[in-house]
Protein backbone atom coordinates (compact mmCIF):
# COMPACT_ATOMS: atom_id res chain seq x y z
CA UNK A 1 0.00 0.00 0.00
CA UNK A 2 1.48 3.25 -1.13
CA UNK A 3 2.19 5.75 1.63
CA UNK A 4 1.99 3.16 4.43
CA UNK A 5 4.74 3.52 7.04
CA UNK A 6 5.85 1.38 9.98
CA UNK A 7 5.09 3.09 13.28
CA UNK A 8 8.33 2.33 15.09
CA UNK A 9 7.54 4.78 17.87
CA UNK A 10 4.43 3.00 19.18
CA UNK A 11 4.86 -0.59 18.08
CA UNK A 12 7.97 -1.72 19.99
CA UNK A 13 7.30 -4.68 22.32
CA UNK A 14 7.81 -3.76 25.96
CA UNK A 15 7.74 -0.04 25.29
CA UNK A 16 6.28 2.01 28.16
CA UNK A 17 2.98 3.48 26.90
CA UNK A 18 3.26 6.20 29.58
CA UNK A 19 6.74 7.31 28.49
CA UNK A 20 5.96 10.98 28.04
CA UNK A 21 7.15 14.02 29.95
CA UNK A 22 5.15 14.44 33.16
CA UNK A 23 3.10 17.58 33.56
CA UNK A 24 3.46 17.58 37.37
CA UNK A 25 6.27 16.27 39.59
CA UNK A 26 5.56 18.30 42.71
CA UNK A 27 3.66 15.45 44.38
CA UNK A 28 6.64 13.07 44.27
CA UNK A 29 9.01 15.81 45.41
CA UNK A 30 6.72 16.77 48.30
CA UNK A 31 6.47 13.11 49.37
CA UNK A 32 10.26 12.80 49.35
CA UNK A 33 10.60 15.87 51.61
CA UNK A 34 7.90 14.50 53.91
CA UNK A 35 9.60 11.10 54.07
CA UNK A 36 12.96 12.71 54.77
CA UNK A 37 11.53 14.31 57.92
CA UNK A 38 10.26 10.96 59.16
CA UNK A 39 13.53 9.19 58.45
CA UNK A 40 15.49 11.98 60.11
CA UNK A 41 13.23 11.48 63.14
CA UNK A 42 13.87 7.72 63.05
CA UNK A 43 17.63 8.28 62.98
CA UNK A 44 17.29 10.76 65.85
CA UNK A 45 15.44 8.05 67.79
CA UNK A 46 18.19 5.51 67.08
CA UNK A 47 20.81 7.97 68.32
CA UNK A 48 18.81 8.66 71.49
CA UNK A 49 18.33 4.92 72.04
CA UNK A 50 22.05 4.26 71.94
CA UNK A 51 22.82 7.02 74.44
CA UNK A 52 19.86 7.05 76.83
CA UNK A 53 17.51 4.79 78.75
CA UNK A 54 14.62 7.24 78.64
CA UNK A 55 13.26 9.55 75.97
CA UNK A 56 10.14 10.29 73.92
CA UNK A 57 10.10 11.49 70.32
CA UNK A 58 7.01 13.20 68.89
CA UNK A 59 6.33 13.80 65.19
CA UNK A 60 4.35 16.85 64.02
CA UNK A 61 3.88 18.33 67.49
CA UNK A 62 4.69 22.07 67.71
CA UNK A 63 7.62 21.31 65.40
CA UNK A 64 8.49 18.61 62.87
CA UNK A 65 10.36 16.52 65.46
CA UNK A 66 10.35 17.03 69.24
CA UNK A 67 12.53 15.00 71.59
CA UNK A 68 11.77 14.88 75.32
CA UNK A 69 14.58 13.69 77.57
CA UNK A 70 12.26 11.75 79.89
CA UNK A 71 8.85 10.08 80.03
CA UNK A 72 8.49 11.70 83.45
CA UNK A 73 6.76 15.02 82.82
CA UNK A 74 8.44 16.64 85.83
CA UNK A 75 11.92 15.77 84.50
CA UNK A 76 11.43 16.18 80.76
CA UNK A 77 13.35 18.82 78.84
CA UNK A 78 12.86 19.34 75.14
CA UNK A 79 14.68 19.53 71.83
CA UNK A 80 12.62 21.16 69.05
CA UNK A 81 13.67 20.39 65.45
CA UNK A 82 12.37 21.98 62.28
CA UNK A 83 13.60 19.75 59.44
CA UNK A 84 13.95 21.11 55.90
CA UNK A 85 14.95 18.95 52.93
CA UNK A 86 15.80 21.68 50.42
CA UNK A 87 17.94 21.67 47.30
CA UNK A 88 19.42 25.16 47.40
CA UNK A 89 22.56 27.11 48.11
CA UNK A 90 23.46 27.25 51.81
CA UNK A 91 21.20 29.59 53.75
CA UNK A 92 22.72 32.86 54.98
CA UNK A 93 21.34 35.35 57.50
CA UNK A 94 19.40 37.22 54.80
CA UNK A 95 17.66 34.03 53.66
CA UNK A 96 16.79 33.15 57.25
CA UNK A 97 15.27 36.52 58.10
CA UNK A 98 13.69 37.66 54.81
CA UNK A 99 9.90 37.49 54.51
CA UNK A 100 9.11 36.05 51.05
CA UNK A 101 6.93 38.19 48.83
CA UNK A 102 3.56 36.57 48.29
CA UNK A 103 0.49 37.68 46.36
CA UNK A 104 -1.75 35.56 48.59
CA UNK A 105 -0.45 37.20 51.81
CA UNK A 106 -0.37 33.77 53.47
CA UNK A 107 3.35 34.03 54.22
CA UNK A 108 3.82 36.60 56.96
CA UNK A 109 7.02 35.40 58.62
CA UNK A 110 10.58 34.61 57.67
CA UNK A 111 11.97 31.09 58.16
CA UNK A 112 13.53 32.05 61.46
CA UNK A 113 10.69 34.33 62.52
CA UNK A 114 8.12 31.56 62.13
CA UNK A 115 10.29 29.21 64.16
CA UNK A 116 10.70 31.71 66.99
CA UNK A 117 6.99 32.50 66.97
CA UNK A 118 6.33 28.83 67.63
CA UNK A 119 8.04 28.96 71.04
CA UNK A 120 7.52 32.59 72.01
CA UNK A 121 5.64 32.96 75.31
CA UNK A 122 4.89 29.23 75.37
CA UNK A 123 4.81 27.43 78.75
CA UNK A 124 7.53 24.99 77.65
CA UNK A 125 10.00 27.71 76.62
CA UNK A 126 12.06 27.51 79.82
CA UNK A 127 12.40 23.74 79.39
CA UNK A 128 13.98 23.94 75.92
CA UNK A 129 17.45 22.40 75.70
CA UNK A 130 17.69 23.41 72.05
CA UNK A 131 15.68 24.95 69.23
CA UNK A 132 17.16 23.49 66.04
CA UNK A 133 16.75 24.44 62.40
CA UNK A 134 17.89 21.42 60.40
CA UNK A 135 18.44 22.08 56.68
CA UNK A 136 19.99 19.75 54.11
CA UNK A 137 21.32 22.69 52.09
CA UNK A 138 23.52 23.74 55.02
CA UNK A 139 24.26 27.24 56.25
CA UNK A 140 26.59 30.06 55.26
CA UNK A 141 26.84 32.00 58.49
CA UNK A 142 30.10 33.78 59.41
CA UNK A 143 31.72 32.10 62.45
CA UNK A 144 33.24 33.95 65.35
CA UNK A 145 36.47 32.03 64.74
CA UNK A 146 37.76 32.24 61.17
CA UNK A 147 38.16 28.96 59.30
CA UNK A 148 35.70 26.90 61.33
CA UNK A 149 33.30 24.67 59.38
CA UNK A 150 30.64 23.46 61.79
CA UNK A 151 27.81 20.98 61.26
CA UNK A 152 26.10 22.37 64.38
CA UNK A 153 26.21 26.15 64.72
CA UNK A 154 25.15 27.59 68.07
CA UNK A 155 24.36 31.25 68.66
CA UNK A 156 27.67 31.60 70.49
CA UNK A 157 29.53 30.37 67.38
CA UNK A 158 28.28 33.25 65.17
CA UNK A 159 30.32 36.32 64.37
CA UNK A 160 29.09 39.32 66.32
CA UNK A 161 28.16 41.25 63.16
CA UNK A 162 26.14 38.30 61.84
CA UNK A 163 24.32 37.95 65.15
CA UNK A 164 23.56 41.69 65.22
CA UNK A 165 22.10 41.52 61.68
CA UNK A 166 19.86 38.58 62.63
CA UNK A 167 18.75 40.22 65.87
CA UNK A 168 17.89 43.50 64.08
CA UNK A 169 15.81 41.66 61.46
CA UNK A 170 13.94 39.63 64.09
CA UNK A 171 13.22 42.75 66.15
CA UNK A 172 11.78 44.40 63.04
CA UNK A 173 9.63 41.34 62.28
CA UNK A 174 8.47 40.32 65.75
CA UNK A 175 9.08 43.39 67.86
CA UNK A 176 11.81 43.46 70.48
CA UNK A 177 12.59 39.77 70.98
CA UNK A 178 16.02 38.53 72.12
CA UNK A 179 17.16 35.52 70.11
CA UNK A 180 17.15 32.52 72.48
CA UNK A 181 20.58 31.11 73.33
CA UNK A 182 19.21 27.62 72.66
CA UNK A 183 18.88 28.31 68.90
CA UNK A 184 21.09 26.13 66.68
CA UNK A 185 21.56 25.67 62.93
CA UNK A 186 22.27 22.07 61.92
CA UNK A 187 23.48 20.53 58.68
CA UNK A 188 22.27 16.90 58.94
CA UNK A 189 24.45 13.87 58.24
CA UNK A 190 21.46 11.99 56.74
CA UNK A 191 21.73 12.05 52.93
CA UNK A 192 18.81 13.38 50.89
CA UNK A 193 18.61 10.18 48.83
CA UNK A 194 18.80 6.56 49.90
CA UNK A 195 17.86 7.54 53.43
CA UNK A 196 15.75 4.38 53.84
CA UNK A 197 18.84 2.18 53.40
CA UNK A 198 20.84 4.45 55.71
CA UNK A 199 18.20 4.04 58.43
CA UNK A 200 18.29 0.24 58.08
CA UNK A 201 22.08 0.32 58.34
CA UNK A 202 21.90 2.39 61.52
CA UNK A 203 19.45 -0.11 63.00
CA UNK A 204 21.95 -2.92 62.33
CA UNK A 205 24.66 -0.86 64.01
CA UNK A 206 22.45 -0.21 67.03
CA UNK A 207 21.64 -3.91 67.41
CA UNK A 208 25.36 -4.72 67.29
CA UNK A 209 25.85 -2.31 70.21
CA UNK A 210 22.84 -3.42 72.24
CA UNK A 211 22.83 -7.16 71.49
CA UNK A 212 26.24 -8.26 70.14
CA UNK A 213 26.08 -11.49 68.16
CA UNK A 214 22.29 -11.56 67.88
CA UNK A 215 20.62 -12.43 64.60
CA UNK A 216 18.98 -9.22 63.40
CA UNK A 217 16.18 -8.63 60.90
CA UNK A 218 16.98 -4.93 60.46
CA UNK A 219 14.57 -4.44 57.54
CA UNK A 220 11.62 -5.68 59.58
CA UNK A 221 12.61 -3.55 62.59
CA UNK A 222 12.78 -0.57 60.22
CA UNK A 223 9.31 -1.23 58.79
CA UNK A 224 7.76 -1.57 62.25
CA UNK A 225 9.29 1.66 63.50
CA UNK A 226 8.69 3.81 60.39
CA UNK A 227 5.08 2.57 60.10
CA UNK A 228 4.47 3.49 63.73
CA UNK A 229 5.98 6.95 63.20
CA UNK A 230 3.73 7.49 60.16
CA UNK A 231 0.67 6.42 62.15
CA UNK A 232 1.43 8.69 65.10
CA UNK A 233 2.47 11.59 62.89
CA UNK A 234 -1.02 11.76 61.37
CA UNK A 235 -2.70 12.15 64.77
CA UNK A 236 -3.84 15.78 64.77
CA UNK A 237 -5.56 15.94 68.16
CA UNK A 238 -4.24 17.80 71.20
CA UNK A 239 -3.84 16.02 74.54
CA UNK A 240 -3.94 17.73 77.92
CA UNK A 241 -2.82 14.54 79.69
CA UNK A 242 0.91 13.75 79.34
CA UNK A 243 0.48 9.96 79.41
CA UNK A 244 -2.16 10.12 76.67
CA UNK A 245 0.14 12.32 74.58
CA UNK A 246 2.95 9.78 74.91
CA UNK A 247 0.62 6.88 74.06
CA UNK A 248 -0.91 8.51 70.99
CA UNK A 249 1.91 10.67 69.61
CA UNK A 250 5.15 9.48 71.18
CA UNK A 251 7.77 6.82 70.49
CA UNK A 252 9.62 5.85 73.67
CA UNK A 253 12.74 3.91 74.61
CA UNK A 254 10.46 1.07 75.71
CA UNK A 255 8.69 0.97 72.33
CA UNK A 256 11.97 0.72 70.42
CA UNK A 257 13.43 -1.80 72.86
CA UNK A 258 10.42 -4.10 72.45
CA UNK A 259 10.64 -3.95 68.66
CA UNK A 260 14.38 -4.70 68.64
CA UNK A 261 14.12 -7.57 71.11
CA UNK A 262 11.26 -9.11 69.10
CA UNK A 263 13.45 -9.44 66.01
CA UNK A 264 16.80 -10.37 67.51
CA UNK A 265 15.92 -13.69 69.12
CA UNK A 266 17.84 -16.79 68.10
CA UNK A 267 15.26 -19.48 68.94
CA UNK A 268 13.78 -21.68 66.22
CA UNK A 269 10.56 -23.67 66.47
CA UNK A 270 12.42 -26.97 66.87
CA UNK A 271 13.74 -25.82 70.24
CA UNK A 272 10.20 -26.02 71.67
CA UNK A 273 9.02 -29.32 70.15
CA UNK A 274 9.56 -31.76 73.03
CA UNK A 275 8.66 -29.29 75.79
CA UNK A 276 5.45 -28.38 73.96
CA UNK A 277 4.46 -32.05 73.84
CA UNK A 278 5.11 -32.38 77.58
CA UNK A 279 3.01 -29.28 78.38
CA UNK A 280 0.09 -30.50 76.27
CA UNK A 281 0.18 -33.89 78.02
CA UNK A 282 0.13 -32.24 81.45
CA UNK A 283 -2.89 -30.16 80.40
CA UNK A 284 -4.66 -33.43 79.47
CA UNK A 285 -6.26 -31.89 76.39
CA UNK A 286 -8.26 -33.99 73.94
CA UNK A 287 -6.54 -34.74 70.66
CA UNK A 288 -8.54 -32.19 68.66
CA UNK A 289 -7.67 -29.43 71.16
CA UNK A 290 -3.99 -30.47 71.20
CA UNK A 291 -3.90 -30.12 67.41
CA UNK A 292 -5.57 -26.70 67.55
CA UNK A 293 -3.18 -25.43 70.24
CA UNK A 294 -0.16 -26.77 68.35
CA UNK A 295 -1.27 -24.99 65.16
CA UNK A 296 -1.89 -21.78 67.13
CA UNK A 297 1.56 -22.20 68.74
CA UNK A 298 3.20 -22.32 65.29
CA UNK A 299 1.20 -19.27 64.15
CA UNK A 300 2.25 -17.34 67.24
CA UNK A 301 5.87 -18.37 66.74
CA UNK A 302 5.81 -17.03 63.19
CA UNK A 303 3.89 -13.89 64.17
CA UNK A 304 6.41 -12.75 66.80
CA UNK A 305 9.11 -12.88 64.13
CA UNK A 306 7.24 -11.65 61.08
CA UNK A 307 4.39 -9.46 62.34
CA UNK A 308 5.10 -5.78 61.56
CA UNK A 309 2.68 -3.96 63.84
CA UNK A 310 3.51 -2.46 67.19
CA UNK A 311 0.11 -3.72 68.41
CA UNK A 312 1.26 -7.33 67.93
CA UNK A 313 4.44 -6.57 69.87
CA UNK A 314 2.36 -5.02 72.66
CA UNK A 315 0.25 -8.20 72.77
CA UNK A 316 3.39 -10.27 73.17
CA UNK A 317 4.63 -8.04 75.97
CA UNK A 318 1.32 -8.44 77.84
CA UNK A 319 1.61 -12.24 77.60
CA UNK A 320 5.23 -12.10 78.78
CA UNK A 321 4.15 -10.03 81.78
CA UNK A 322 1.45 -12.56 82.68
CA UNK A 323 4.00 -15.38 82.48
CA UNK A 324 6.55 -13.47 84.55
CA UNK A 325 4.07 -12.72 87.32
CA UNK A 326 3.12 -16.39 87.72
CA UNK A 327 6.32 -18.20 86.84
CA UNK A 328 6.97 -19.29 90.42
CA UNK A 329 3.55 -21.01 90.44
CA UNK A 330 4.64 -23.03 87.41
CA UNK A 331 7.87 -24.06 89.15
CA UNK A 332 6.11 -25.02 92.41
CA UNK A 333 2.69 -26.32 91.36
CA UNK A 334 2.89 -27.17 87.68
CA UNK A 335 1.36 -26.00 84.43
CA UNK A 336 -2.38 -26.40 85.19
CA UNK A 337 -2.42 -23.93 88.11
CA UNK A 338 -0.04 -21.67 86.23
CA UNK A 339 -2.30 -21.49 83.15
CA UNK A 340 -5.35 -20.59 85.25
CA UNK A 341 -3.55 -17.70 86.95
CA UNK A 342 -1.88 -16.45 83.75
CA UNK A 343 -5.27 -16.36 82.03
CA UNK A 344 -6.76 -14.36 84.91
CA UNK A 345 -4.15 -11.58 84.79
CA UNK A 346 -3.96 -11.31 81.00
CA UNK A 347 -5.65 -8.02 79.92
CA UNK A 348 -9.02 -8.40 78.22
CA UNK A 349 -7.82 -6.33 75.27
CA UNK A 350 -4.97 -8.81 74.69
CA UNK A 351 -7.34 -11.79 74.90
CA UNK A 352 -9.58 -10.11 72.33
CA UNK A 353 -6.63 -9.49 70.01
CA UNK A 354 -5.55 -13.13 70.24
CA UNK A 355 -9.08 -14.09 69.09
CA UNK A 356 -9.78 -17.53 70.65
CA UNK A 357 -8.90 -19.63 73.72
CA UNK A 358 -6.56 -21.98 71.84
CA UNK A 359 -4.54 -19.02 70.55
CA UNK A 360 -4.40 -17.53 74.05
CA UNK A 361 -3.20 -20.86 75.50
CA UNK A 362 -0.62 -21.15 72.72
CA UNK A 363 0.73 -17.64 73.35
CA UNK A 364 1.08 -18.27 77.11
CA UNK A 365 2.79 -21.63 76.55
CA UNK A 366 5.15 -20.09 74.00
CA UNK A 367 6.27 -17.31 76.34
CA UNK A 368 6.52 -19.78 79.22
CA UNK A 369 8.86 -22.04 77.22
CA UNK A 370 10.83 -19.01 76.03
CA UNK A 371 11.42 -18.02 79.66
CA UNK A 372 12.38 -21.60 80.57
CA UNK A 373 14.99 -21.65 77.79
CA UNK A 374 16.45 -18.39 79.02
CA UNK A 375 17.13 -19.80 82.48
């Protein structure tokens, strides 16, 4: 046929039919910035976990990331972090204190002015250890000592002229307001790409410090922790009660410790085989119930190693607590009396989560045998 031509552009096998320039990329870029904040928070948690036995980290509470030094409200002091993943030249004092021009009039403060407004005259101001602006682009602020290149710049590190310029701009923007001595400018060590892999690597390093020689599923620990941070970060309610705030918005040392310990155990199912048979005989269960408990035991064994929710880990901790409280009864009186007492003290919410009686029995037996193998 005259004039017919082969359409090589559209007929190639395997060619992506969506291979055209995208009209809008802002969504993907915004998501990357959002995810960077969460991964920076996770890495901050890992650092706190290595150096402290008590802390709470909150996401999207007054600032992007807030660290409290204690779960005890009377002892807690705070670190406020505003985290910016920006691809730009390093920020200088003019960038920090300039109010961007906007036709919508929605932007009324400079970067630094907005940050200071967030803590000004707040009841927690006197408990601030630091007020940190974290920016991936870094900072170009003249140091008091020539030649210094600092990743963390405190107010006392700034050249007097630079500090005077910043103070004058803030006074003009906010009225007379002394810059707090707790203010710091931080260039983060977390890269702007591949930060997921970096976080997993830091988890492996932390486990090596906390549990040398333990088998570690760092990827699963990462997924549990980052999912929990995402869940708590979306909670938009305020809480007047400190314990409720921690429960709904906070990640504590205890939370992280439970996750790590759940995925660094060395025991395999075969370790429990004979002891499980002995326990089931002592309970004098009928054959159909023995089969159901054994199946539930295997499911529980797999769940404590593969389940990715913090709720499942909390369930396991509740069962462990019930076993711990009644372990002496098991040693003195045997498994039948022990099971009755362990069932009585197990929280109703945990029983409901475990669904049925066979699964509850299996969970208690599993944690009992785990404790026996630790002795």
